[in-house]
Amino acid sequence: MNKLTSALCMAGILALPGLAQARPVTLTTQLQSYSGNGAYLAIYVTDAAGQYKKTLWVAGKKTKYYKHLRDWARGSGMKSSEFDGVSGASVGNGRSLKVTVELADALIDAGYEIRIDTAVEDQRDNPAEVRVPLTTKDKSKPVAGRGYIKSFTYDL
């Protein structure tokens, strides 16, 4: 019985990587030219119902400003575990942000969206400024934001 149990456990361990496969996804965000401080951005994934699922990247180091990234803040609960290791400096006007993240294959072509909330100190906050389906069909297609983002693309 012990040999059978050991064999089954080993088979399960070997099968797990196939179930949780991920791929690198490059996110490129180009900001408009505007006057003011650097922009804070939260790039995250939602399901088909618009419910928060995962943070991909947060641009802006001062966590006290994260509450202005309203939809992301509500979904993530602003728990540090949601953005530890996936954050960096804010993005200046006219500049671009390019990051590569790991994304589970199961999220692609399954009704999920990439969304981006933006905020600039003493200026307007833009929840869900960008909303783009997470599909192989829509990869590499530039999407314009409705605020600070000139264009956003992702490549699988």
N, C-alpha and C. Protein backbone atom coordinates (compact mmCIF):
# COMPACT_ATOMS: atom_id res chain seq x y z
N MET A 1 0.81 -1.19 0.00
CA MET A 1 0.00 0.00 0.00
C MET A 1 0.86 1.26 0.00
N ASN A 2 1.99 1.25 0.74
CA ASN A 2 2.86 2.42 0.80
C ASN A 2 3.46 2.75 -0.56
N LYS A 3 3.79 1.72 -1.35
CA LYS A 3 4.35 1.97 -2.68
C LYS A 3 3.31 2.62 -3.59
N LEU A 4 2.07 2.17 -3.50
CA LEU A 4 1.00 2.74 -4.31
C LEU A 4 0.75 4.20 -3.92
N THR A 5 0.71 4.47 -2.63
CA THR A 5 0.51 5.84 -2.15
C THR A 5 1.65 6.74 -2.61
N SER A 6 2.87 6.26 -2.49
CA SER A 6 4.03 7.04 -2.93
C SER A 6 3.97 7.32 -4.42
N ALA A 7 3.59 6.31 -5.20
CA ALA A 7 3.50 6.49 -6.66
C ALA A 7 2.43 7.52 -7.01
N LEU A 8 1.28 7.46 -6.35
CA LEU A 8 0.21 8.41 -6.61
C LEU A 8 0.61 9.84 -6.22
N CYS A 9 1.29 9.98 -5.10
CA CYS A 9 1.77 11.30 -4.68
C CYS A 9 2.76 11.86 -5.68
N MET A 10 3.68 11.02 -6.15
CA MET A 10 4.68 11.47 -7.13
C MET A 10 3.99 11.88 -8.44
N ALA A 11 3.01 11.13 -8.87
CA ALA A 11 2.29 11.46 -10.10
C ALA A 11 1.57 12.79 -9.95
N GLY A 12 1.00 13.03 -8.79
CA GLY A 12 0.32 14.30 -8.53
C GLY A 12 1.28 15.47 -8.55
N ILE A 13 2.45 15.29 -7.96
CA ILE A 13 3.45 16.36 -7.93
C ILE A 13 3.92 16.69 -9.35
N LEU A 14 4.11 15.67 -10.16
CA LEU A 14 4.56 15.89 -11.53
C LEU A 14 3.47 16.54 -12.39
N ALA A 15 2.21 16.31 -12.08
CA ALA A 15 1.11 16.87 -12.87
C ALA A 15 0.82 18.32 -12.51
N LEU A 16 1.14 18.75 -11.30
CA LEU A 16 0.80 20.10 -10.85
C LEU A 16 1.34 21.21 -11.73
N PRO A 17 2.59 21.17 -12.18
CA PRO A 17 3.06 22.26 -13.03
C PRO A 17 2.23 22.44 -14.29
N GLY A 18 1.70 21.37 -14.84
CA GLY A 18 0.86 21.47 -16.04
C GLY A 18 -0.46 22.15 -15.77
N LEU A 19 -0.96 22.04 -14.56
CA LEU A 19 -2.23 22.66 -14.21
C LEU A 19 -2.09 24.15 -13.96
N ALA A 20 -0.95 24.59 -13.52
CA ALA A 20 -0.77 25.99 -13.15
C ALA A 20 0.23 26.69 -14.06
N GLN A 21 0.15 26.42 -15.35
CA GLN A 21 1.10 27.03 -16.27
C GLN A 21 0.86 28.52 -16.39
N ALA A 22 1.94 29.23 -16.52
CA ALA A 22 1.88 30.68 -16.67
C ALA A 22 2.80 31.08 -17.81
N ARG A 23 2.58 32.28 -18.29
CA ARG A 23 3.44 32.79 -19.36
C ARG A 23 3.80 34.23 -19.06
N PRO A 24 4.91 34.70 -19.59
CA PRO A 24 5.26 36.11 -19.41
C PRO A 24 4.36 36.98 -20.28
N VAL A 25 3.90 38.07 -19.71
CA VAL A 25 3.07 39.03 -20.43
C VAL A 25 3.74 40.40 -20.25
N THR A 26 4.00 41.08 -21.36
CA THR A 26 4.62 42.40 -21.30
C THR A 26 3.53 43.46 -21.40
N LEU A 27 3.48 44.33 -20.41
CA LEU A 27 2.50 45.42 -20.33
C LEU A 27 3.21 46.72 -20.66
N THR A 28 2.71 47.47 -21.63
CA THR A 28 3.31 48.74 -22.01
C THR A 28 2.27 49.84 -21.93
N THR A 29 2.54 50.83 -21.09
CA THR A 29 1.63 51.95 -20.89
C THR A 29 2.36 53.24 -21.24
N GLN A 30 1.82 53.99 -22.17
CA GLN A 30 2.38 55.29 -22.58
C GLN A 30 1.45 56.37 -22.04
N LEU A 31 2.01 57.31 -21.26
CA LEU A 31 1.19 58.38 -20.70
C LEU A 31 1.11 59.58 -21.63
N GLN A 32 0.01 60.31 -21.50
CA GLN A 32 -0.17 61.58 -22.19
C GLN A 32 0.82 62.59 -21.60
N SER A 33 1.03 63.68 -22.30
CA SER A 33 1.74 64.81 -21.70
C SER A 33 0.71 65.61 -20.92
N TYR A 34 0.99 65.86 -19.67
CA TYR A 34 0.12 66.64 -18.80
C TYR A 34 1.00 67.39 -17.82
N SER A 35 0.46 68.38 -17.16
CA SER A 35 1.26 69.08 -16.15
C SER A 35 0.97 68.48 -14.79
N GLY A 36 1.98 68.38 -13.98
CA GLY A 36 1.77 67.86 -12.64
C GLY A 36 2.75 66.75 -12.29
N ASN A 37 2.52 66.17 -11.13
CA ASN A 37 3.38 65.11 -10.60
C ASN A 37 3.23 63.81 -11.38
N GLY A 38 4.07 62.85 -11.03
CA GLY A 38 3.99 61.54 -11.64
C GLY A 38 2.67 60.85 -11.35
N ALA A 39 2.26 60.00 -12.27
CA ALA A 39 1.00 59.28 -12.13
C ALA A 39 1.19 57.99 -11.34
N TYR A 40 0.19 57.66 -10.57
CA TYR A 40 0.08 56.36 -9.90
C TYR A 40 -0.82 55.51 -10.78
N LEU A 41 -0.43 54.26 -11.00
CA LEU A 41 -1.21 53.34 -11.80
C LEU A 41 -1.34 52.02 -11.07
N ALA A 42 -2.51 51.41 -11.16
CA ALA A 42 -2.71 50.04 -10.70
C ALA A 42 -3.20 49.25 -11.90
N ILE A 43 -2.43 48.24 -12.28
CA ILE A 43 -2.79 47.38 -13.40
C ILE A 43 -3.20 46.04 -12.79
N TYR A 44 -4.42 45.60 -13.07
CA TYR A 44 -4.96 44.42 -12.41
C TYR A 44 -5.90 43.65 -13.32
N VAL A 45 -6.26 42.45 -12.90
CA VAL A 45 -7.14 41.57 -13.66
C VAL A 45 -8.47 41.46 -12.92
N THR A 46 -9.57 41.50 -13.71
CA THR A 46 -10.91 41.25 -13.17
C THR A 46 -11.53 40.08 -13.94
N ASP A 47 -12.52 39.45 -13.31
CA ASP A 47 -13.24 38.37 -14.00
C ASP A 47 -14.34 38.96 -14.88
N ALA A 48 -15.14 38.10 -15.49
CA ALA A 48 -16.19 38.54 -16.40
C ALA A 48 -17.24 39.41 -15.72
N ALA A 49 -17.40 39.26 -14.41
CA ALA A 49 -18.37 40.06 -13.66
C ALA A 49 -17.76 41.36 -13.14
N GLY A 50 -16.49 41.61 -13.46
CA GLY A 50 -15.82 42.83 -13.02
C GLY A 50 -15.24 42.75 -11.63
N GLN A 51 -15.18 41.55 -11.06
CA GLN A 51 -14.63 41.37 -9.72
C GLN A 51 -13.10 41.25 -9.78
N TYR A 52 -12.44 41.98 -8.90
CA TYR A 52 -10.97 41.96 -8.79
C TYR A 52 -10.48 40.53 -8.59
N LYS A 53 -9.39 40.18 -9.30
CA LYS A 53 -8.77 38.87 -9.14
C LYS A 53 -7.30 38.93 -8.78
N LYS A 54 -6.52 39.82 -9.43
CA LYS A 54 -5.07 39.79 -9.23
C LYS A 54 -4.44 41.13 -9.62
N THR A 55 -3.48 41.58 -8.82
CA THR A 55 -2.69 42.76 -9.16
C THR A 55 -1.54 42.33 -10.04
N LEU A 56 -1.36 43.04 -11.16
CA LEU A 56 -0.23 42.77 -12.04
C LEU A 56 0.91 43.72 -11.76
N TRP A 57 0.60 45.02 -11.55
CA TRP A 57 1.65 46.01 -11.27
C TRP A 57 1.02 47.25 -10.64
N VAL A 58 1.76 47.87 -9.72
CA VAL A 58 1.36 49.16 -9.14
C VAL A 58 2.55 50.10 -9.32
N ALA A 59 2.30 51.24 -9.98
CA ALA A 59 3.34 52.25 -10.17
C ALA A 59 3.08 53.38 -9.18
N GLY A 60 4.04 53.64 -8.32
CA GLY A 60 3.94 54.66 -7.28
C GLY A 60 4.30 54.04 -5.94
N LYS A 61 5.25 54.62 -5.27
CA LYS A 61 5.79 54.01 -4.05
C LYS A 61 5.08 54.42 -2.76
N LYS A 62 4.42 55.57 -2.75
CA LYS A 62 3.80 56.04 -1.50
C LYS A 62 2.41 55.43 -1.34
N THR A 63 2.32 54.44 -0.46
CA THR A 63 1.07 53.70 -0.29
C THR A 63 -0.09 54.57 0.18
N LYS A 64 0.20 55.72 0.77
CA LYS A 64 -0.89 56.59 1.23
C LYS A 64 -1.73 57.09 0.05
N TYR A 65 -1.19 57.06 -1.16
CA TYR A 65 -1.94 57.50 -2.35
C TYR A 65 -2.69 56.38 -3.04
N TYR A 66 -2.49 55.15 -2.62
CA TYR A 66 -3.14 54.02 -3.27
C TYR A 66 -4.66 54.09 -3.18
N LYS A 67 -5.20 54.73 -2.15
CA LYS A 67 -6.66 54.82 -2.02
C LYS A 67 -7.28 55.56 -3.20
N HIS A 68 -6.49 56.36 -3.92
CA HIS A 68 -6.99 57.09 -5.08
C HIS A 68 -7.13 56.20 -6.31
N LEU A 69 -6.55 55.02 -6.25
CA LEU A 69 -6.72 54.02 -7.31
C LEU A 69 -7.93 53.18 -6.89
N ARG A 70 -9.06 53.82 -6.93
CA ARG A 70 -10.28 53.43 -6.23
C ARG A 70 -10.75 51.99 -6.48
N ASP A 71 -10.95 51.60 -7.73
CA ASP A 71 -11.47 50.26 -7.99
C ASP A 71 -10.48 49.19 -7.56
N TRP A 72 -9.20 49.41 -7.89
CA TRP A 72 -8.17 48.46 -7.47
C TRP A 72 -8.07 48.40 -5.94
N ALA A 73 -8.11 49.55 -5.29
CA ALA A 73 -8.00 49.61 -3.82
C ALA A 73 -9.14 48.83 -3.16
N ARG A 74 -10.33 48.99 -3.69
CA ARG A 74 -11.49 48.28 -3.13
C ARG A 74 -11.32 46.77 -3.34
N GLY A 75 -10.95 46.36 -4.55
CA GLY A 75 -10.81 44.94 -4.85
C GLY A 75 -9.67 44.26 -4.11
N SER A 76 -8.54 44.92 -4.05
CA SER A 76 -7.35 44.33 -3.42
C SER A 76 -7.36 44.47 -1.90
N GLY A 77 -8.20 45.35 -1.40
CA GLY A 77 -8.20 45.63 0.03
C GLY A 77 -6.94 46.36 0.46
N MET A 78 -6.14 46.77 -0.51
CA MET A 78 -4.86 47.45 -0.28
C MET A 78 -3.96 46.65 0.67
N LYS A 79 -4.11 45.32 0.63
CA LYS A 79 -3.25 44.46 1.44
C LYS A 79 -1.87 44.42 0.78
N SER A 80 -0.84 44.60 1.57
CA SER A 80 0.50 44.62 1.00
C SER A 80 0.83 43.32 0.26
N SER A 81 0.21 42.22 0.66
CA SER A 81 0.46 40.95 -0.04
C SER A 81 -0.01 41.02 -1.49
N GLU A 82 -0.89 41.95 -1.80
CA GLU A 82 -1.40 42.11 -3.16
C GLU A 82 -0.43 42.87 -4.07
N PHE A 83 0.47 43.65 -3.49
CA PHE A 83 1.37 44.44 -4.33
C PHE A 83 2.84 44.30 -3.98
N ASP A 84 3.18 43.53 -2.96
CA ASP A 84 4.59 43.29 -2.65
C ASP A 84 5.26 42.62 -3.85
N GLY A 85 6.36 43.18 -4.28
CA GLY A 85 7.11 42.61 -5.39
C GLY A 85 6.59 42.98 -6.76
N VAL A 86 5.46 43.66 -6.83
CA VAL A 86 4.91 44.08 -8.13
C VAL A 86 4.61 45.58 -8.11
N SER A 87 5.57 46.34 -7.61
CA SER A 87 5.38 47.79 -7.56
C SER A 87 6.70 48.49 -7.87
N GLY A 88 6.56 49.74 -8.31
CA GLY A 88 7.73 50.54 -8.65
C GLY A 88 7.39 52.02 -8.59
N ALA A 89 8.24 52.84 -9.13
CA ALA A 89 8.08 54.29 -9.07
C ALA A 89 6.88 54.74 -9.88
N SER A 90 6.38 55.94 -9.55
CA SER A 90 5.31 56.54 -10.34
C SER A 90 5.85 56.84 -11.74
N VAL A 91 4.94 57.17 -12.66
CA VAL A 91 5.33 57.39 -14.06
C VAL A 91 5.11 58.85 -14.41
N GLY A 92 6.14 59.53 -14.89
CA GLY A 92 6.06 60.94 -15.24
C GLY A 92 5.26 61.19 -16.51
N ASN A 93 4.78 62.42 -16.65
CA ASN A 93 3.97 62.76 -17.82
C ASN A 93 4.75 62.56 -19.11
N GLY A 94 4.08 62.00 -20.11
CA GLY A 94 4.71 61.72 -21.38
C GLY A 94 5.63 60.51 -21.39
N ARG A 95 5.82 59.89 -20.26
CA ARG A 95 6.73 58.74 -20.14
C ARG A 95 5.98 57.43 -20.37
N SER A 96 6.76 56.35 -20.47
CA SER A 96 6.12 55.04 -20.61
C SER A 96 6.58 54.11 -19.49
N LEU A 97 5.75 53.14 -19.23
CA LEU A 97 6.02 52.09 -18.25
C LEU A 97 5.94 50.78 -19.00
N LYS A 98 6.99 49.97 -18.90
CA LYS A 98 6.99 48.66 -19.54
C LYS A 98 7.45 47.64 -18.52
N VAL A 99 6.59 46.70 -18.20
CA VAL A 99 6.91 45.65 -17.24
C VAL A 99 6.47 44.30 -17.80
N THR A 100 7.17 43.27 -17.37
CA THR A 100 6.79 41.91 -17.74
C THR A 100 6.39 41.18 -16.47
N VAL A 101 5.21 40.55 -16.53
CA VAL A 101 4.67 39.83 -15.38
C VAL A 101 4.32 38.41 -15.81
N GLU A 102 4.16 37.53 -14.83
CA GLU A 102 3.71 36.16 -15.10
C GLU A 102 2.20 36.12 -14.94
N LEU A 103 1.53 35.50 -15.91
CA LEU A 103 0.07 35.42 -15.89
C LEU A 103 -0.35 34.00 -16.20
N ALA A 104 -1.25 33.45 -15.40
CA ALA A 104 -1.72 32.08 -15.59
C ALA A 104 -2.42 31.94 -16.94
N ASP A 105 -2.09 30.89 -17.66
CA ASP A 105 -2.72 30.62 -18.95
C ASP A 105 -4.24 30.52 -18.83
N ALA A 106 -4.73 30.05 -17.70
CA ALA A 106 -6.17 29.86 -17.50
C ALA A 106 -6.95 31.18 -17.57
N LEU A 107 -6.28 32.33 -17.41
CA LEU A 107 -6.96 33.62 -17.44
C LEU A 107 -7.14 34.16 -18.87
N ILE A 108 -6.40 33.59 -19.81
CA ILE A 108 -6.40 34.10 -21.18
C ILE A 108 -7.52 33.43 -21.97
N ASP A 109 -8.28 34.25 -22.70
CA ASP A 109 -9.43 33.78 -23.49
C ASP A 109 -10.49 33.13 -22.61
N ALA A 110 -10.65 33.60 -21.39
CA ALA A 110 -11.61 33.02 -20.46
C ALA A 110 -12.54 34.07 -19.84
N GLY A 111 -12.67 35.25 -20.47
CA GLY A 111 -13.59 36.28 -19.99
C GLY A 111 -12.98 37.28 -19.03
N TYR A 112 -11.69 37.23 -18.79
CA TYR A 112 -11.03 38.17 -17.89
C TYR A 112 -10.64 39.45 -18.62
N GLU A 113 -10.43 40.53 -17.85
CA GLU A 113 -10.00 41.81 -18.39
C GLU A 113 -8.77 42.30 -17.65
N ILE A 114 -7.97 43.09 -18.34
CA ILE A 114 -6.94 43.89 -17.69
C ILE A 114 -7.53 45.27 -17.53
N ARG A 115 -7.42 45.82 -16.33
CA ARG A 115 -7.90 47.17 -16.06
C ARG A 115 -6.76 47.99 -15.46
N ILE A 116 -6.85 49.30 -15.69
CA ILE A 116 -5.86 50.21 -15.12
C ILE A 116 -6.58 51.38 -14.49
N ASP A 117 -6.33 51.61 -13.20
CA ASP A 117 -6.78 52.82 -12.50
C ASP A 117 -5.60 53.79 -12.48
N THR A 118 -5.88 55.09 -12.63
CA THR A 118 -4.80 56.09 -12.57
C THR A 118 -5.19 57.23 -11.63
N ALA A 119 -4.17 57.89 -11.11
CA ALA A 119 -4.37 59.07 -10.25
C ALA A 119 -3.11 59.91 -10.28
N VAL A 120 -3.28 61.22 -10.22
CA VAL A 120 -2.19 62.18 -10.12
C VAL A 120 -2.54 63.13 -8.98
N GLU A 121 -1.57 63.41 -8.12
CA GLU A 121 -1.79 64.28 -6.98
C GLU A 121 -2.40 65.62 -7.41
N ASP A 122 -3.45 66.03 -6.71
CA ASP A 122 -4.17 67.28 -6.95
C ASP A 122 -4.83 67.34 -8.31
N GLN A 123 -5.05 66.19 -8.93
CA GLN A 123 -5.76 66.12 -10.20
C GLN A 123 -6.78 64.98 -10.13
N ARG A 124 -7.44 64.75 -11.23
CA ARG A 124 -8.53 63.78 -11.28
C ARG A 124 -8.03 62.34 -11.15
N ASP A 125 -8.82 61.51 -10.45
CA ASP A 125 -8.60 60.07 -10.37
C ASP A 125 -9.42 59.41 -11.48
N ASN A 126 -8.90 58.35 -12.06
CA ASN A 126 -9.59 57.66 -13.16
C ASN A 126 -9.69 56.17 -12.88
N PRO A 127 -10.76 55.74 -12.18
CA PRO A 127 -10.93 54.30 -11.98
C PRO A 127 -11.24 53.63 -13.31
N ALA A 128 -10.68 52.46 -13.53
CA ALA A 128 -10.88 51.69 -14.76
C ALA A 128 -10.71 52.55 -16.01
N GLU A 129 -9.64 53.36 -16.00
CA GLU A 129 -9.36 54.21 -17.16
C GLU A 129 -9.17 53.38 -18.42
N VAL A 130 -8.55 52.23 -18.29
CA VAL A 130 -8.39 51.30 -19.40
C VAL A 130 -9.06 49.99 -18.99
N ARG A 131 -9.81 49.42 -19.93
CA ARG A 131 -10.42 48.10 -19.78
C ARG A 131 -10.21 47.38 -21.10
N VAL A 132 -9.51 46.26 -21.05
CA VAL A 132 -9.23 45.51 -22.28
C VAL A 132 -9.39 44.02 -22.01
N PRO A 133 -10.10 43.32 -22.90
CA PRO A 133 -10.24 41.87 -22.73
C PRO A 133 -8.88 41.19 -22.78
N LEU A 134 -8.70 40.20 -21.95
CA LEU A 134 -7.44 39.44 -21.89
C LEU A 134 -7.58 38.25 -22.83
N THR A 135 -7.32 38.51 -24.12
CA THR A 135 -7.49 37.49 -25.15
C THR A 135 -6.28 37.47 -26.08
N THR A 136 -6.09 36.34 -26.71
CA THR A 136 -5.02 36.27 -27.70
C THR A 136 -5.35 37.16 -28.89
N LYS A 137 -6.63 37.34 -29.19
CA LYS A 137 -7.07 38.18 -30.30
C LYS A 137 -6.72 39.66 -30.06
N ASP A 138 -6.83 40.12 -28.82
CA ASP A 138 -6.63 41.53 -28.51
C ASP A 138 -5.19 41.88 -28.12
N LYS A 139 -4.31 40.89 -28.05
CA LYS A 139 -2.92 41.19 -27.70
C LYS A 139 -2.32 42.12 -28.75
N SER A 140 -1.45 42.97 -28.30
CA SER A 140 -0.72 43.93 -29.15
C SER A 140 -1.59 45.03 -29.75
N LYS A 141 -2.88 45.06 -29.48
CA LYS A 141 -3.74 46.13 -29.99
C LYS A 141 -3.69 47.31 -29.01
N PRO A 142 -3.27 48.48 -29.47
CA PRO A 142 -3.24 49.64 -28.57
C PRO A 142 -4.65 50.08 -28.18
N VAL A 143 -4.80 50.40 -26.91
CA VAL A 143 -6.07 50.89 -26.37
C VAL A 143 -5.79 52.24 -25.74
N ALA A 144 -6.60 53.24 -26.08
CA ALA A 144 -6.45 54.58 -25.49
C ALA A 144 -7.17 54.64 -24.16
N GLY A 145 -6.58 55.36 -23.21
CA GLY A 145 -7.25 55.59 -21.93
C GLY A 145 -8.17 56.79 -22.03
N ARG A 146 -8.91 57.06 -20.95
CA ARG A 146 -9.80 58.22 -20.94
C ARG A 146 -9.31 59.30 -20.00
N GLY A 147 -8.00 59.26 -19.69
CA GLY A 147 -7.41 60.23 -18.77
C GLY A 147 -5.95 60.45 -19.09
N TYR A 148 -5.09 59.92 -18.25
CA TYR A 148 -3.64 60.13 -18.38
C TYR A 148 -2.96 59.17 -19.35
N ILE A 149 -3.62 58.08 -19.72
CA ILE A 149 -2.99 57.07 -20.56
C ILE A 149 -3.26 57.35 -22.03
N LYS A 150 -2.17 57.52 -22.77
CA LYS A 150 -2.26 57.72 -24.21
C LYS A 150 -2.55 56.38 -24.90
N SER A 151 -1.81 55.34 -24.51
CA SER A 151 -2.05 54.01 -25.06
C SER A 151 -1.56 52.93 -24.11
N PHE A 152 -2.18 51.77 -24.22
CA PHE A 152 -1.80 50.60 -23.44
C PHE A 152 -1.85 49.39 -24.37
N THR A 153 -0.82 48.54 -24.28
CA THR A 153 -0.81 47.28 -25.02
C THR A 153 -0.28 46.18 -24.10
N TYR A 154 -0.64 44.96 -24.43
CA TYR A 154 -0.03 43.81 -23.76
C TYR A 154 0.34 42.79 -24.83
N ASP A 155 1.44 42.10 -24.59
CA ASP A 155 1.92 41.05 -25.49
C ASP A 155 2.10 39.78 -24.71
N LEU A 156 1.56 38.70 -25.28
CA LEU A 156 1.65 37.38 -24.65
C LEU A 156 2.84 36.62 -25.18
